Amino acid sequence: EPNKWMEKHRWVWIQTHGPIPKRKNIMFLDGNRLNCSIENLAMVDDSQMLILNNKKLVTPDPELTKASITLSSVYLSISKRAKEVTSNV
């Protein structure tokens, strides 16, 4: 729409990958909010973003941040499995 604006990094993501689902975030892999190149952007869900921020896993090294995103998924899987196990006891 003519009078609707959005953050540049979100616009760049949408132009390349399409709409951003609800409860998803577009993050900067190198932590630099001015670097809106598509190579520096990644989509994570709210729970992953919470882990990344709480454990301070976003670094200036994009490759290390990508590994941290994977690690956040592992933390979430462990947490989910632990809840399943304790609810079955």
N, C-alpha and C. Protein backbone atom coordinates (compact mmCIF):
# COMPACT_ATOMS: atom_id res chain seq x y z
N GLU A 1 0.84 -1.17 0.00
CA GLU A 1 0.00 0.00 0.00
C GLU A 1 0.88 1.23 0.00
N PRO A 2 0.38 2.32 -0.53
CA PRO A 2 1.22 3.51 -0.64
C PRO A 2 1.70 4.08 0.70
N ASN A 3 0.89 4.06 1.73
CA ASN A 3 1.26 4.67 3.00
C ASN A 3 1.62 3.65 4.07
N LYS A 4 2.09 2.51 3.66
CA LYS A 4 2.47 1.47 4.60
C LYS A 4 3.98 1.25 4.49
N TRP A 5 4.67 1.23 5.62
CA TRP A 5 6.12 1.02 5.61
C TRP A 5 6.45 -0.26 6.37
N MET A 6 7.65 -0.76 6.12
CA MET A 6 8.16 -1.90 6.88
C MET A 6 9.67 -1.78 6.98
N GLU A 7 10.21 -2.48 7.94
CA GLU A 7 11.65 -2.45 8.14
C GLU A 7 12.34 -3.05 6.92
N LYS A 8 13.50 -2.48 6.57
CA LYS A 8 14.18 -2.87 5.34
C LYS A 8 14.56 -4.36 5.33
N HIS A 9 15.05 -4.89 6.43
CA HIS A 9 15.47 -6.29 6.44
C HIS A 9 14.28 -7.22 6.20
N ARG A 10 13.11 -6.85 6.71
CA ARG A 10 11.91 -7.67 6.46
C ARG A 10 11.52 -7.58 4.98
N TRP A 11 11.62 -6.38 4.41
CA TRP A 11 11.29 -6.19 3.00
C TRP A 11 12.23 -7.02 2.12
N VAL A 12 13.53 -6.98 2.42
CA VAL A 12 14.51 -7.76 1.66
C VAL A 12 14.17 -9.24 1.74
N TRP A 13 13.83 -9.73 2.94
CA TRP A 13 13.49 -11.14 3.11
C TRP A 13 12.27 -11.51 2.27
N ILE A 14 11.24 -10.71 2.33
CA ILE A 14 9.99 -10.98 1.61
C ILE A 14 10.23 -10.99 0.10
N GLN A 15 11.07 -10.11 -0.39
CA GLN A 15 11.36 -10.06 -1.82
C GLN A 15 12.05 -11.34 -2.30
N THR A 16 12.81 -11.97 -1.41
CA THR A 16 13.56 -13.17 -1.78
C THR A 16 12.82 -14.46 -1.45
N HIS A 17 12.21 -14.51 -0.27
CA HIS A 17 11.64 -15.77 0.23
C HIS A 17 10.12 -15.78 0.36
N GLY A 18 9.48 -14.65 0.18
CA GLY A 18 8.03 -14.59 0.34
C GLY A 18 7.63 -14.17 1.74
N PRO A 19 6.35 -14.27 2.05
CA PRO A 19 5.83 -13.76 3.33
C PRO A 19 6.50 -14.39 4.55
N ILE A 20 6.52 -13.62 5.61
CA ILE A 20 7.08 -14.08 6.89
C ILE A 20 5.91 -14.56 7.74
N PRO A 21 5.90 -15.84 8.12
CA PRO A 21 4.80 -16.37 8.93
C PRO A 21 4.74 -15.70 10.31
N LYS A 22 3.57 -15.77 10.93
CA LYS A 22 3.42 -15.26 12.28
C LYS A 22 4.35 -16.03 13.22
N ARG A 23 4.80 -15.35 14.26
CA ARG A 23 5.69 -15.90 15.28
C ARG A 23 7.08 -16.23 14.73
N LYS A 24 7.42 -15.64 13.59
CA LYS A 24 8.77 -15.79 13.03
C LYS A 24 9.44 -14.43 13.02
N ASN A 25 10.74 -14.44 13.16
CA ASN A 25 11.54 -13.21 13.19
C ASN A 25 12.64 -13.30 12.14
N ILE A 26 12.98 -12.16 11.58
CA ILE A 26 14.13 -12.09 10.68
C ILE A 26 15.26 -11.46 11.48
N MET A 27 16.37 -12.17 11.58
CA MET A 27 17.48 -11.69 12.38
C MET A 27 18.72 -11.45 11.51
N PHE A 28 19.63 -10.66 12.04
CA PHE A 28 20.88 -10.34 11.37
C PHE A 28 21.95 -11.32 11.86
N LEU A 29 22.51 -12.10 10.98
CA LEU A 29 23.47 -13.12 11.38
C LEU A 29 24.74 -12.55 11.99
N ASP A 30 25.15 -11.36 11.55
CA ASP A 30 26.35 -10.75 12.12
C ASP A 30 26.04 -9.75 13.22
N GLY A 31 24.75 -9.61 13.56
CA GLY A 31 24.35 -8.68 14.61
C GLY A 31 24.32 -7.23 14.16
N ASN A 32 24.73 -6.93 12.94
CA ASN A 32 24.78 -5.56 12.42
C ASN A 32 23.45 -5.24 11.75
N ARG A 33 22.65 -4.41 12.40
CA ARG A 33 21.32 -4.06 11.89
C ARG A 33 21.37 -3.20 10.63
N LEU A 34 22.52 -2.72 10.25
CA LEU A 34 22.64 -1.94 9.01
C LEU A 34 22.96 -2.83 7.81
N ASN A 35 23.36 -4.06 8.07
CA ASN A 35 23.70 -5.00 7.00
C ASN A 35 22.46 -5.80 6.62
N CYS A 36 21.71 -5.29 5.65
CA CYS A 36 20.44 -5.92 5.25
C CYS A 36 20.58 -6.82 4.03
N SER A 37 21.80 -7.25 3.72
CA SER A 37 21.96 -8.16 2.59
C SER A 37 21.29 -9.49 2.93
N ILE A 38 20.73 -10.13 1.93
CA ILE A 38 19.98 -11.37 2.16
C ILE A 38 20.88 -12.45 2.77
N GLU A 39 22.16 -12.43 2.46
CA GLU A 39 23.09 -13.41 3.01
C GLU A 39 23.27 -13.24 4.52
N ASN A 40 22.94 -12.06 5.03
CA ASN A 40 23.11 -11.77 6.45
C ASN A 40 21.81 -11.95 7.24
N LEU A 41 20.77 -12.44 6.60
CA LEU A 41 19.48 -12.58 7.26
C LEU A 41 19.11 -14.04 7.45
N ALA A 42 18.40 -14.32 8.54
CA ALA A 42 17.91 -15.67 8.81
C ALA A 42 16.55 -15.55 9.49
N MET A 43 15.68 -16.54 9.26
CA MET A 43 14.37 -16.56 9.90
C MET A 43 14.40 -17.56 11.05
N VAL A 44 13.98 -17.11 12.22
CA VAL A 44 13.89 -17.96 13.40
C VAL A 44 12.54 -17.73 14.05
N ASP A 45 12.09 -18.71 14.84
CA ASP A 45 10.82 -18.51 15.52
C ASP A 45 11.05 -17.83 16.87
N ASP A 46 9.96 -17.44 17.51
CA ASP A 46 10.06 -16.69 18.77
C ASP A 46 10.85 -17.42 19.83
N SER A 47 10.65 -18.73 19.95
CA SER A 47 11.34 -19.48 21.00
C SER A 47 12.84 -19.58 20.71
N GLN A 48 13.22 -19.72 19.45
CA GLN A 48 14.64 -19.73 19.11
C GLN A 48 15.27 -18.37 19.42
N MET A 49 14.57 -17.29 19.07
CA MET A 49 15.09 -15.95 19.33
C MET A 49 15.30 -15.72 20.82
N LEU A 50 14.37 -16.23 21.62
CA LEU A 50 14.49 -16.11 23.07
C LEU A 50 15.76 -16.80 23.57
N ILE A 51 16.01 -18.00 23.10
CA ILE A 51 17.21 -18.73 23.49
C ILE A 51 18.47 -18.00 23.02
N LEU A 52 18.47 -17.57 21.77
CA LEU A 52 19.64 -16.87 21.21
C LEU A 52 19.97 -15.63 22.03
N ASN A 53 18.94 -14.88 22.41
CA ASN A 53 19.19 -13.66 23.18
C ASN A 53 19.56 -13.96 24.63
N ASN A 54 18.85 -14.89 25.28
CA ASN A 54 19.13 -15.20 26.69
C ASN A 54 20.53 -15.79 26.89
N LYS A 55 20.96 -16.61 25.96
CA LYS A 55 22.27 -17.25 26.08
C LYS A 55 23.37 -16.49 25.35
N LYS A 56 23.01 -15.31 24.82
CA LYS A 56 23.96 -14.43 24.11
C LYS A 56 24.71 -15.19 23.01
N LEU A 57 23.94 -15.85 22.15
CA LEU A 57 24.53 -16.69 21.10
C LEU A 57 24.66 -15.99 19.74
N VAL A 58 24.23 -14.75 19.64
CA VAL A 58 24.39 -14.00 18.38
C VAL A 58 25.76 -13.33 18.44
N THR A 59 26.59 -13.61 17.44
CA THR A 59 27.96 -13.10 17.41
C THR A 59 28.19 -12.32 16.12
N PRO A 60 29.30 -11.59 16.04
CA PRO A 60 29.62 -10.90 14.78
C PRO A 60 29.99 -11.86 13.65
N ASP A 61 30.23 -13.13 13.97
CA ASP A 61 30.57 -14.13 12.96
C ASP A 61 29.29 -14.83 12.48
N PRO A 62 28.87 -14.57 11.23
CA PRO A 62 27.62 -15.16 10.73
C PRO A 62 27.59 -16.69 10.79
N GLU A 63 28.71 -17.33 10.52
CA GLU A 63 28.73 -18.80 10.55
C GLU A 63 28.52 -19.32 11.97
N LEU A 64 29.10 -18.66 12.94
CA LEU A 64 28.91 -19.05 14.33
C LEU A 64 27.46 -18.82 14.76
N THR A 65 26.86 -17.74 14.29
CA THR A 65 25.45 -17.47 14.62
C THR A 65 24.55 -18.52 13.98
N LYS A 66 24.87 -18.96 12.76
CA LYS A 66 24.09 -20.04 12.13
C LYS A 66 24.16 -21.31 12.98
N ALA A 67 25.35 -21.62 13.48
CA ALA A 67 25.50 -22.79 14.36
C ALA A 67 24.68 -22.59 15.64
N SER A 68 24.63 -21.37 16.14
CA SER A 68 23.85 -21.07 17.33
C SER A 68 22.36 -21.26 17.10
N ILE A 69 21.91 -20.96 15.89
CA ILE A 69 20.50 -21.18 15.55
C ILE A 69 20.19 -22.67 15.61
N THR A 70 21.10 -23.47 15.07
CA THR A 70 20.94 -24.93 15.14
C THR A 70 20.95 -25.39 16.59
N LEU A 71 21.85 -24.83 17.39
CA LEU A 71 21.93 -25.18 18.80
C LEU A 71 20.63 -24.82 19.52
N SER A 72 20.02 -23.69 19.17
CA SER A 72 18.75 -23.31 19.80
C SER A 72 17.67 -24.34 19.48
N SER A 73 17.69 -24.89 18.27
CA SER A 73 16.74 -25.95 17.92
C SER A 73 16.97 -27.20 18.76
N VAL A 74 18.24 -27.50 19.03
CA VAL A 74 18.56 -28.66 19.87
C VAL A 74 18.05 -28.42 21.30
N TYR A 75 18.28 -27.23 21.84
CA TYR A 75 17.77 -26.91 23.18
C TYR A 75 16.25 -27.09 23.23
N LEU A 76 15.55 -26.62 22.21
CA LEU A 76 14.09 -26.74 22.18
C LEU A 76 13.66 -28.20 22.12
N SER A 77 14.35 -29.01 21.32
CA SER A 77 14.02 -30.44 21.22
C SER A 77 14.25 -31.16 22.54
N ILE A 78 15.35 -30.83 23.20
CA ILE A 78 15.63 -31.44 24.50
C ILE A 78 14.56 -31.07 25.51
N SER A 79 14.19 -29.80 25.52
CA SER A 79 13.16 -29.33 26.46
C SER A 79 11.82 -30.02 26.19
N LYS A 80 11.46 -30.13 24.93
CA LYS A 80 10.21 -30.79 24.57
C LYS A 80 10.23 -32.25 24.99
N ARG A 81 11.31 -32.93 24.73
CA ARG A 81 11.44 -34.36 25.09
C ARG A 81 11.41 -34.54 26.60
N ALA A 82 12.07 -33.67 27.32
CA ALA A 82 12.08 -33.77 28.79
C ALA A 82 10.68 -33.61 29.34
N LYS A 83 9.88 -32.71 28.78
CA LYS A 83 8.50 -32.54 29.23
C LYS A 83 7.67 -33.78 28.93
N GLU A 84 7.90 -34.40 27.77
CA GLU A 84 7.18 -35.62 27.41
C GLU A 84 7.51 -36.75 28.38
N VAL A 85 8.78 -36.89 28.71
CA VAL A 85 9.21 -37.96 29.61
C VAL A 85 8.63 -37.76 31.00
N THR A 86 8.69 -36.53 31.52
CA THR A 86 8.19 -36.30 32.87
C THR A 86 6.66 -36.39 32.94
N SER A 87 5.98 -36.12 31.86
CA SER A 87 4.52 -36.23 31.88
C SER A 87 4.07 -37.69 31.77
N ASN A 88 4.94 -38.59 31.31
CA ASN A 88 4.60 -40.01 31.19
C ASN A 88 4.98 -40.80 32.43
N VAL A 89 5.63 -40.18 33.40
CA VAL A 89 6.07 -40.91 34.60
C VAL A 89 4.97 -40.98 35.61
